[in-house]
Amino acid sequence: MGAGIGWARIRSLVNENQNQIKILKGEMIHVDDTATTLTAAQSGATVFWTHASAHNVTLPAATAGMSFKFVLSAGSAHAHYILSQTDDEIYGKARVVSTTSDQFAVQVVLEGSAVDKIHLRKAGNAALGGDAGDTVELTCVEDGLWVCNADLVTTHANPASIAVLTD
């Protein structure tokens, strides 16, 4: 190695590469069987959520530009919620697809009718979904407003009257 490149420079390059890898990879958060409150510093993270006993995940105060992606590691018949802060609202859409039939239904909540939580439950329930591999993406487009895009499944043959986005 040439005399012009020292160990300090090599360490600096390694640190820069590690930081770039972290930015590209994003943070992964694992939530297992316990109530969890996310922080603003965790924005951009993928949350791997294992449903077992009933518990919730609470979002930080919605600040424009924040985002979270939830991936369900396992489903549960227990009720689970993603909760917004008191003054924040959630709007967007939730798609629920039957795993036993070629049926699906979509819930759309408009900004003016926004709600404050996302209800997930693995069961043969026609109105809900929440099994392994299901995803919920939340993006804050304006302070106080989360936009939801949820892709969920149910074992019910005919999903209907979807109530994933709720108060």
N, C-alpha and C. Protein backbone atom coordinates (compact mmCIF):
# COMPACT_ATOMS: atom_id res chain seq x y z
N MET A 1 0.85 -1.16 0.00
CA MET A 1 0.00 0.00 0.00
C MET A 1 0.90 1.22 0.00
N GLY A 2 0.53 2.23 -0.80
CA GLY A 2 1.35 3.43 -0.92
C GLY A 2 1.40 4.22 0.37
N ALA A 3 2.44 5.01 0.49
CA ALA A 3 2.64 5.80 1.70
C ALA A 3 1.59 6.89 1.84
N GLY A 4 0.93 7.29 0.72
CA GLY A 4 -0.05 8.38 0.77
C GLY A 4 -1.38 7.99 1.41
N ILE A 5 -1.68 6.70 1.55
CA ILE A 5 -2.95 6.28 2.12
C ILE A 5 -2.68 5.62 3.46
N GLY A 6 -3.16 6.27 4.52
CA GLY A 6 -2.92 5.72 5.85
C GLY A 6 -4.14 4.97 6.37
N TRP A 7 -3.95 4.36 7.54
CA TRP A 7 -5.02 3.61 8.16
C TRP A 7 -6.21 4.49 8.49
N ALA A 8 -5.97 5.73 8.84
CA ALA A 8 -7.08 6.64 9.17
C ALA A 8 -7.99 6.82 7.95
N ARG A 9 -7.41 6.93 6.77
CA ARG A 9 -8.20 7.10 5.55
C ARG A 9 -8.98 5.82 5.23
N ILE A 10 -8.36 4.68 5.44
CA ILE A 10 -9.03 3.41 5.19
C ILE A 10 -10.23 3.26 6.14
N ARG A 11 -10.02 3.58 7.43
CA ARG A 11 -11.13 3.53 8.38
C ARG A 11 -12.24 4.47 7.98
N SER A 12 -11.89 5.64 7.50
CA SER A 12 -12.88 6.62 7.06
C SER A 12 -13.70 6.07 5.89
N LEU A 13 -13.05 5.44 4.93
CA LEU A 13 -13.77 4.86 3.78
C LEU A 13 -14.69 3.73 4.22
N VAL A 14 -14.22 2.89 5.16
CA VAL A 14 -15.05 1.80 5.66
C VAL A 14 -16.28 2.38 6.35
N ASN A 15 -16.11 3.41 7.18
CA ASN A 15 -17.25 4.03 7.87
C ASN A 15 -18.23 4.62 6.87
N GLU A 16 -17.74 5.28 5.83
CA GLU A 16 -18.62 5.85 4.82
C GLU A 16 -19.44 4.75 4.14
N ASN A 17 -18.78 3.64 3.81
CA ASN A 17 -19.48 2.52 3.18
C ASN A 17 -20.53 1.92 4.11
N GLN A 18 -20.20 1.78 5.39
CA GLN A 18 -21.17 1.24 6.35
C GLN A 18 -22.38 2.17 6.46
N ASN A 19 -22.14 3.47 6.50
CA ASN A 19 -23.25 4.42 6.58
C ASN A 19 -24.12 4.33 5.33
N GLN A 20 -23.52 4.21 4.16
CA GLN A 20 -24.29 4.10 2.93
C GLN A 20 -25.09 2.81 2.91
N ILE A 21 -24.52 1.71 3.38
CA ILE A 21 -25.24 0.45 3.44
C ILE A 21 -26.43 0.58 4.37
N LYS A 22 -26.26 1.23 5.53
CA LYS A 22 -27.36 1.42 6.47
C LYS A 22 -28.47 2.24 5.84
N ILE A 23 -28.14 3.28 5.13
CA ILE A 23 -29.15 4.12 4.48
C ILE A 23 -29.90 3.31 3.43
N LEU A 24 -29.20 2.53 2.63
CA LEU A 24 -29.85 1.75 1.59
C LEU A 24 -30.68 0.61 2.18
N LYS A 25 -30.18 0.00 3.22
CA LYS A 25 -30.86 -1.14 3.81
C LYS A 25 -32.03 -0.69 4.67
N GLY A 26 -31.91 0.40 5.39
CA GLY A 26 -32.95 0.85 6.30
C GLY A 26 -32.91 0.05 7.58
N GLU A 27 -33.53 0.59 8.59
CA GLU A 27 -33.56 -0.07 9.89
C GLU A 27 -34.65 -1.14 9.91
N MET A 28 -34.39 -2.23 10.59
CA MET A 28 -35.39 -3.27 10.78
C MET A 28 -35.71 -3.32 12.27
N ILE A 29 -36.99 -3.30 12.57
CA ILE A 29 -37.45 -3.35 13.95
C ILE A 29 -38.29 -4.61 14.10
N HIS A 30 -38.04 -5.37 15.16
CA HIS A 30 -38.82 -6.57 15.42
C HIS A 30 -39.73 -6.31 16.61
N VAL A 31 -41.02 -6.54 16.43
CA VAL A 31 -42.00 -6.37 17.50
C VAL A 31 -42.58 -7.75 17.79
N ASP A 32 -42.36 -8.24 19.00
CA ASP A 32 -42.83 -9.57 19.40
C ASP A 32 -43.65 -9.46 20.67
N ASP A 33 -44.94 -9.63 20.56
CA ASP A 33 -45.79 -9.87 21.72
C ASP A 33 -45.77 -8.79 22.80
N THR A 34 -45.44 -7.56 22.45
CA THR A 34 -45.43 -6.50 23.45
C THR A 34 -45.81 -5.16 22.80
N ALA A 35 -46.54 -4.35 23.54
CA ALA A 35 -46.89 -3.02 23.04
C ALA A 35 -45.61 -2.25 22.75
N THR A 36 -45.60 -1.54 21.62
CA THR A 36 -44.41 -0.82 21.18
C THR A 36 -44.79 0.56 20.69
N THR A 37 -44.01 1.56 21.05
CA THR A 37 -44.19 2.90 20.52
C THR A 37 -42.98 3.23 19.67
N LEU A 38 -43.22 3.51 18.40
CA LEU A 38 -42.13 3.88 17.48
C LEU A 38 -41.74 5.33 17.71
N THR A 39 -40.52 5.67 17.32
CA THR A 39 -40.03 7.04 17.47
C THR A 39 -39.83 7.68 16.10
N ALA A 40 -39.78 8.99 16.08
CA ALA A 40 -39.53 9.72 14.84
C ALA A 40 -38.19 9.31 14.24
N ALA A 41 -37.20 9.03 15.08
CA ALA A 41 -35.87 8.63 14.59
C ALA A 41 -35.91 7.30 13.86
N GLN A 42 -36.95 6.50 14.06
CA GLN A 42 -37.07 5.20 13.39
C GLN A 42 -37.80 5.30 12.05
N SER A 43 -38.19 6.49 11.67
CA SER A 43 -38.87 6.67 10.38
C SER A 43 -38.06 6.05 9.26
N GLY A 44 -38.75 5.41 8.32
CA GLY A 44 -38.10 4.72 7.22
C GLY A 44 -37.85 3.26 7.50
N ALA A 45 -38.10 2.82 8.73
CA ALA A 45 -37.83 1.44 9.13
C ALA A 45 -38.89 0.48 8.59
N THR A 46 -38.47 -0.77 8.46
CA THR A 46 -39.39 -1.87 8.22
C THR A 46 -39.61 -2.54 9.56
N VAL A 47 -40.87 -2.66 9.94
CA VAL A 47 -41.24 -3.25 11.23
C VAL A 47 -41.74 -4.67 10.97
N PHE A 48 -41.00 -5.66 11.47
CA PHE A 48 -41.42 -7.06 11.38
C PHE A 48 -42.21 -7.37 12.64
N TRP A 49 -43.50 -7.63 12.46
CA TRP A 49 -44.42 -7.71 13.59
C TRP A 49 -44.96 -9.13 13.72
N THR A 50 -44.65 -9.78 14.85
CA THR A 50 -45.18 -11.10 15.14
C THR A 50 -46.40 -10.94 16.03
N HIS A 51 -47.53 -11.38 15.53
CA HIS A 51 -48.77 -11.31 16.31
C HIS A 51 -48.89 -12.58 17.14
N ALA A 52 -49.10 -12.41 18.41
CA ALA A 52 -49.41 -13.53 19.30
C ALA A 52 -50.52 -13.03 20.22
N SER A 53 -50.19 -12.66 21.45
CA SER A 53 -51.22 -12.08 22.31
C SER A 53 -51.56 -10.68 21.80
N ALA A 54 -52.71 -10.18 22.17
CA ALA A 54 -53.16 -8.87 21.71
C ALA A 54 -52.20 -7.77 22.19
N HIS A 55 -51.71 -6.98 21.27
CA HIS A 55 -50.87 -5.84 21.59
C HIS A 55 -50.87 -4.88 20.40
N ASN A 56 -50.45 -3.63 20.63
CA ASN A 56 -50.52 -2.58 19.62
C ASN A 56 -49.16 -1.98 19.36
N VAL A 57 -49.06 -1.31 18.20
CA VAL A 57 -47.90 -0.48 17.88
C VAL A 57 -48.41 0.94 17.71
N THR A 58 -47.78 1.88 18.40
CA THR A 58 -48.18 3.28 18.33
C THR A 58 -47.16 4.05 17.49
N LEU A 59 -47.68 4.84 16.56
CA LEU A 59 -46.84 5.65 15.68
C LEU A 59 -46.37 6.90 16.41
N PRO A 60 -45.25 7.48 15.99
CA PRO A 60 -44.85 8.78 16.53
C PRO A 60 -45.76 9.87 15.94
N ALA A 61 -45.66 11.07 16.47
CA ALA A 61 -46.42 12.19 15.90
C ALA A 61 -46.07 12.32 14.42
N ALA A 62 -47.10 12.46 13.59
CA ALA A 62 -46.93 12.47 12.13
C ALA A 62 -46.29 13.77 11.67
N THR A 63 -45.09 13.65 11.12
CA THR A 63 -44.36 14.79 10.55
C THR A 63 -44.10 14.48 9.08
N ALA A 64 -44.40 15.44 8.21
CA ALA A 64 -44.27 15.23 6.76
C ALA A 64 -42.93 14.59 6.42
N GLY A 65 -43.00 13.55 5.58
CA GLY A 65 -41.80 12.85 5.12
C GLY A 65 -41.51 11.56 5.86
N MET A 66 -42.14 11.35 7.01
CA MET A 66 -41.91 10.12 7.76
C MET A 66 -42.60 8.95 7.06
N SER A 67 -42.09 7.73 7.29
CA SER A 67 -42.72 6.54 6.72
C SER A 67 -42.34 5.30 7.54
N PHE A 68 -43.23 4.31 7.48
CA PHE A 68 -42.99 3.01 8.09
C PHE A 68 -43.61 1.94 7.21
N LYS A 69 -42.95 0.79 7.15
CA LYS A 69 -43.51 -0.35 6.46
C LYS A 69 -43.61 -1.48 7.48
N PHE A 70 -44.80 -2.04 7.61
CA PHE A 70 -45.05 -3.15 8.52
C PHE A 70 -45.17 -4.43 7.71
N VAL A 71 -44.44 -5.46 8.11
CA VAL A 71 -44.55 -6.78 7.50
C VAL A 71 -44.92 -7.73 8.63
N LEU A 72 -46.06 -8.41 8.47
CA LEU A 72 -46.50 -9.33 9.52
C LEU A 72 -45.73 -10.64 9.40
N SER A 73 -45.03 -10.99 10.47
CA SER A 73 -44.26 -12.23 10.50
C SER A 73 -45.14 -13.42 10.81
N ALA A 74 -46.23 -13.17 11.52
CA ALA A 74 -47.19 -14.21 11.86
C ALA A 74 -48.52 -13.55 12.15
N GLY A 75 -49.59 -14.25 11.89
CA GLY A 75 -50.91 -13.72 12.17
C GLY A 75 -51.42 -14.23 13.50
N SER A 76 -52.55 -13.67 13.96
CA SER A 76 -53.15 -14.09 15.21
C SER A 76 -54.64 -13.79 15.17
N ALA A 77 -55.42 -14.57 15.88
CA ALA A 77 -56.85 -14.30 16.01
C ALA A 77 -57.11 -13.15 16.97
N HIS A 78 -56.07 -12.70 17.69
CA HIS A 78 -56.21 -11.56 18.60
C HIS A 78 -56.25 -10.25 17.82
N ALA A 79 -56.94 -9.28 18.37
CA ALA A 79 -56.98 -7.95 17.75
C ALA A 79 -55.65 -7.24 17.98
N HIS A 80 -55.11 -6.64 16.91
CA HIS A 80 -53.89 -5.84 16.96
C HIS A 80 -54.18 -4.53 16.25
N TYR A 81 -53.60 -3.45 16.76
CA TYR A 81 -53.83 -2.14 16.15
C TYR A 81 -52.53 -1.40 15.92
N ILE A 82 -52.49 -0.65 14.84
CA ILE A 82 -51.47 0.38 14.65
C ILE A 82 -52.20 1.67 15.00
N LEU A 83 -51.72 2.37 16.01
CA LEU A 83 -52.40 3.55 16.55
C LEU A 83 -51.67 4.83 16.18
N SER A 84 -52.42 5.84 15.79
CA SER A 84 -51.82 7.16 15.56
C SER A 84 -51.83 7.94 16.87
N GLN A 85 -51.09 9.02 16.91
CA GLN A 85 -51.14 9.91 18.06
C GLN A 85 -52.51 10.60 18.10
N THR A 86 -52.88 11.14 19.23
CA THR A 86 -54.21 11.70 19.46
C THR A 86 -54.67 12.65 18.36
N ASP A 87 -53.84 13.57 17.93
CA ASP A 87 -54.26 14.58 16.95
C ASP A 87 -54.00 14.15 15.50
N ASP A 88 -53.39 13.00 15.28
CA ASP A 88 -53.07 12.55 13.93
C ASP A 88 -54.19 11.71 13.34
N GLU A 89 -54.24 11.65 12.01
CA GLU A 89 -55.26 10.88 11.32
C GLU A 89 -54.64 9.99 10.25
N ILE A 90 -55.37 8.93 9.91
CA ILE A 90 -54.93 7.97 8.89
C ILE A 90 -56.01 7.88 7.82
N TYR A 91 -55.60 7.97 6.57
CA TYR A 91 -56.53 7.73 5.48
C TYR A 91 -55.82 6.94 4.40
N GLY A 92 -56.56 6.47 3.41
CA GLY A 92 -55.95 5.68 2.35
C GLY A 92 -56.79 4.46 2.03
N LYS A 93 -56.11 3.31 1.79
CA LYS A 93 -56.87 2.13 1.40
C LYS A 93 -56.30 0.86 2.02
N ALA A 94 -57.23 -0.10 2.17
CA ALA A 94 -56.88 -1.44 2.65
C ALA A 94 -57.54 -2.45 1.72
N ARG A 95 -56.74 -3.34 1.15
CA ARG A 95 -57.24 -4.42 0.31
C ARG A 95 -57.18 -5.72 1.10
N VAL A 96 -58.30 -6.45 1.08
CA VAL A 96 -58.36 -7.74 1.77
C VAL A 96 -58.73 -8.79 0.73
N VAL A 97 -57.88 -9.80 0.59
CA VAL A 97 -58.05 -10.85 -0.42
C VAL A 97 -58.31 -12.17 0.29
N SER A 98 -59.24 -12.95 -0.25
CA SER A 98 -59.53 -14.27 0.30
C SER A 98 -58.45 -15.26 -0.13
N THR A 99 -58.01 -16.09 0.82
CA THR A 99 -57.05 -17.15 0.49
C THR A 99 -57.77 -18.42 0.05
N THR A 100 -59.09 -18.46 0.19
CA THR A 100 -59.85 -19.66 -0.14
C THR A 100 -60.73 -19.50 -1.37
N SER A 101 -60.84 -18.30 -1.87
CA SER A 101 -61.72 -18.04 -3.00
C SER A 101 -61.13 -16.89 -3.81
N ASP A 102 -61.58 -16.73 -5.02
CA ASP A 102 -61.09 -15.65 -5.88
C ASP A 102 -61.87 -14.36 -5.62
N GLN A 103 -61.86 -13.89 -4.38
CA GLN A 103 -62.63 -12.71 -3.99
C GLN A 103 -61.73 -11.72 -3.27
N PHE A 104 -62.09 -10.44 -3.39
CA PHE A 104 -61.39 -9.41 -2.62
C PHE A 104 -62.32 -8.24 -2.41
N ALA A 105 -61.97 -7.39 -1.47
CA ALA A 105 -62.72 -6.15 -1.23
C ALA A 105 -61.72 -5.08 -0.82
N VAL A 106 -62.09 -3.84 -1.06
CA VAL A 106 -61.21 -2.71 -0.77
C VAL A 106 -61.97 -1.70 0.08
N GLN A 107 -61.29 -1.19 1.09
CA GLN A 107 -61.82 -0.09 1.89
C GLN A 107 -61.03 1.15 1.52
N VAL A 108 -61.72 2.25 1.22
CA VAL A 108 -61.07 3.52 0.93
C VAL A 108 -61.59 4.54 1.92
N VAL A 109 -60.68 5.19 2.63
CA VAL A 109 -61.04 6.26 3.56
C VAL A 109 -60.42 7.53 3.02
N LEU A 110 -61.25 8.52 2.76
CA LEU A 110 -60.78 9.79 2.22
C LEU A 110 -60.20 10.67 3.32
N GLU A 111 -59.38 11.62 2.93
CA GLU A 111 -58.70 12.49 3.89
C GLU A 111 -59.69 13.17 4.84
N GLY A 112 -60.80 13.65 4.33
CA GLY A 112 -61.78 14.34 5.18
C GLY A 112 -62.50 13.42 6.15
N SER A 113 -62.37 12.12 5.97
CA SER A 113 -63.03 11.13 6.84
C SER A 113 -62.01 10.28 7.58
N ALA A 114 -60.79 10.78 7.72
CA ALA A 114 -59.69 10.01 8.27
C ALA A 114 -60.01 9.42 9.65
N VAL A 115 -59.30 8.32 9.97
CA VAL A 115 -59.50 7.57 11.21
C VAL A 115 -58.22 7.62 12.04
N ASP A 116 -58.21 6.92 13.17
CA ASP A 116 -57.02 7.00 14.02
C ASP A 116 -56.32 5.67 14.29
N LYS A 117 -56.78 4.57 13.64
CA LYS A 117 -56.09 3.29 13.85
C LYS A 117 -56.31 2.34 12.69
N ILE A 118 -55.45 1.32 12.66
CA ILE A 118 -55.51 0.25 11.67
C ILE A 118 -55.70 -1.04 12.45
N HIS A 119 -56.78 -1.76 12.15
CA HIS A 119 -57.15 -2.98 12.88
C HIS A 119 -56.73 -4.20 12.07
N LEU A 120 -55.95 -5.07 12.68
CA LEU A 120 -55.46 -6.29 12.02
C LEU A 120 -55.86 -7.50 12.85
N ARG A 121 -56.33 -8.55 12.15
CA ARG A 121 -56.69 -9.79 12.84
C ARG A 121 -56.73 -10.93 11.84
N LYS A 122 -55.96 -11.97 12.13
CA LYS A 122 -56.00 -13.17 11.29
C LYS A 122 -57.21 -13.98 11.73
N ALA A 123 -58.07 -14.21 10.81
CA ALA A 123 -59.25 -15.03 11.11
C ALA A 123 -60.06 -15.17 9.85
N GLY A 124 -61.14 -15.92 9.94
CA GLY A 124 -62.04 -16.05 8.81
C GLY A 124 -63.04 -14.91 8.80
N ASN A 125 -62.60 -13.75 9.22
CA ASN A 125 -63.44 -12.57 9.31
C ASN A 125 -63.54 -11.91 7.93
N ALA A 126 -64.74 -11.59 7.50
CA ALA A 126 -64.94 -10.98 6.18
C ALA A 126 -64.42 -9.55 6.11
N ALA A 127 -64.30 -8.87 7.25
CA ALA A 127 -63.98 -7.44 7.25
C ALA A 127 -62.53 -7.12 7.56
N LEU A 128 -61.73 -8.11 7.97
CA LEU A 128 -60.36 -7.84 8.41
C LEU A 128 -59.37 -8.81 7.78
N GLY A 129 -58.10 -8.51 7.90
CA GLY A 129 -57.02 -9.37 7.47
C GLY A 129 -55.84 -9.16 8.41
N GLY A 130 -54.82 -9.98 8.25
CA GLY A 130 -53.62 -9.82 9.07
C GLY A 130 -52.89 -11.12 9.29
N ASP A 131 -52.35 -11.68 8.23
CA ASP A 131 -51.65 -12.95 8.32
C ASP A 131 -50.18 -12.77 7.90
N ALA A 132 -49.40 -13.80 8.08
CA ALA A 132 -47.97 -13.74 7.73
C ALA A 132 -47.79 -13.29 6.29
N GLY A 133 -46.91 -12.33 6.09
CA GLY A 133 -46.62 -11.80 4.77
C GLY A 133 -47.45 -10.58 4.39
N ASP A 134 -48.49 -10.29 5.14
CA ASP A 134 -49.29 -9.09 4.86
C ASP A 134 -48.46 -7.84 5.14
N THR A 135 -48.78 -6.77 4.42
CA THR A 135 -48.01 -5.54 4.58
C THR A 135 -48.93 -4.33 4.77
N VAL A 136 -48.42 -3.38 5.54
CA VAL A 136 -49.07 -2.08 5.74
C VAL A 136 -47.98 -1.04 5.58
N GLU A 137 -48.19 -0.12 4.65
CA GLU A 137 -47.23 0.97 4.46
C GLU A 137 -47.90 2.28 4.83
N LEU A 138 -47.20 3.07 5.63
CA LEU A 138 -47.70 4.37 6.08
C LEU A 138 -46.69 5.45 5.70
N THR A 139 -47.19 6.50 5.07
CA THR A 139 -46.36 7.64 4.69
C THR A 139 -47.04 8.90 5.17
N CYS A 140 -46.29 9.76 5.81
CA CYS A 140 -46.85 11.03 6.28
C CYS A 140 -46.63 12.07 5.19
N VAL A 141 -47.71 12.50 4.54
CA VAL A 141 -47.62 13.45 3.44
C VAL A 141 -47.77 14.88 3.89
N GLU A 142 -48.28 15.04 5.10
CA GLU A 142 -48.49 16.37 5.68
C GLU A 142 -48.52 16.19 7.19
N ASP A 143 -48.00 17.15 7.93
CA ASP A 143 -48.01 17.01 9.39
C ASP A 143 -49.40 16.63 9.85
N GLY A 144 -49.48 15.57 10.65
CA GLY A 144 -50.76 15.13 11.20
C GLY A 144 -51.52 14.14 10.34
N LEU A 145 -51.03 13.82 9.13
CA LEU A 145 -51.77 12.95 8.21
C LEU A 145 -50.92 11.79 7.69
N TRP A 146 -51.30 10.58 8.03
CA TRP A 146 -50.67 9.37 7.51
C TRP A 146 -51.51 8.84 6.36
N VAL A 147 -50.88 8.43 5.26
CA VAL A 147 -51.56 7.75 4.17
C VAL A 147 -51.21 6.27 4.28
N CYS A 148 -52.26 5.43 4.24
CA CYS A 148 -52.10 3.99 4.42
C CYS A 148 -52.31 3.25 3.11
N ASN A 149 -51.48 2.25 2.88
CA ASN A 149 -51.66 1.30 1.79
C ASN A 149 -51.45 -0.08 2.42
N ALA A 150 -52.57 -0.82 2.63
CA ALA A 150 -52.51 -2.12 3.29
C ALA A 150 -52.91 -3.23 2.32
N ASP A 151 -52.12 -4.29 2.27
CA ASP A 151 -52.40 -5.49 1.48
C ASP A 151 -52.50 -6.66 2.43
N LEU A 152 -53.72 -7.16 2.63
CA LEU A 152 -53.99 -8.16 3.66
C LEU A 152 -54.75 -9.35 3.08
N VAL A 153 -54.72 -10.47 3.81
CA VAL A 153 -55.49 -11.64 3.40
C VAL A 153 -56.40 -12.10 4.54
N THR A 154 -57.45 -12.84 4.16
CA THR A 154 -58.34 -13.49 5.10
C THR A 154 -58.67 -14.87 4.57
N THR A 155 -59.06 -15.77 5.47
CA THR A 155 -59.49 -17.09 5.03
C THR A 155 -60.99 -17.11 4.72
N HIS A 156 -61.66 -16.00 4.98
CA HIS A 156 -63.09 -15.91 4.66
C HIS A 156 -63.26 -15.95 3.14
N ALA A 157 -64.24 -16.68 2.68
CA ALA A 157 -64.44 -16.86 1.23
C ALA A 157 -64.88 -15.59 0.51
N ASN A 158 -65.53 -14.67 1.22
CA ASN A 158 -66.07 -13.49 0.56
C ASN A 158 -65.81 -12.23 1.39
N PRO A 159 -64.63 -11.62 1.27
CA PRO A 159 -64.35 -10.39 2.02
C PRO A 159 -65.39 -9.31 1.67
N ALA A 160 -65.85 -8.60 2.69
CA ALA A 160 -66.84 -7.55 2.47
C ALA A 160 -66.87 -6.61 3.66
N SER A 161 -67.39 -5.41 3.46
CA SER A 161 -67.53 -4.41 4.51
C SER A 161 -66.22 -4.24 5.28
N ILE A 162 -65.14 -4.05 4.55
CA ILE A 162 -63.80 -3.97 5.15
C ILE A 162 -63.76 -2.86 6.19
N ALA A 163 -63.20 -3.20 7.37
CA ALA A 163 -63.14 -2.26 8.49
C ALA A 163 -61.74 -2.21 9.09
N VAL A 164 -60.72 -2.28 8.23
CA VAL A 164 -59.33 -2.24 8.68
C VAL A 164 -58.97 -0.85 9.20
N LEU A 165 -59.35 0.17 8.44
CA LEU A 165 -59.11 1.56 8.85
C LEU A 165 -60.31 1.98 9.69
N THR A 166 -60.08 2.29 10.97
CA THR A 166 -61.18 2.48 11.90
C THR A 166 -60.86 3.49 12.99
N ASP A 167 -61.89 3.88 13.72
CA ASP A 167 -61.73 4.74 14.92
C ASP A 167 -61.89 3.92 16.16
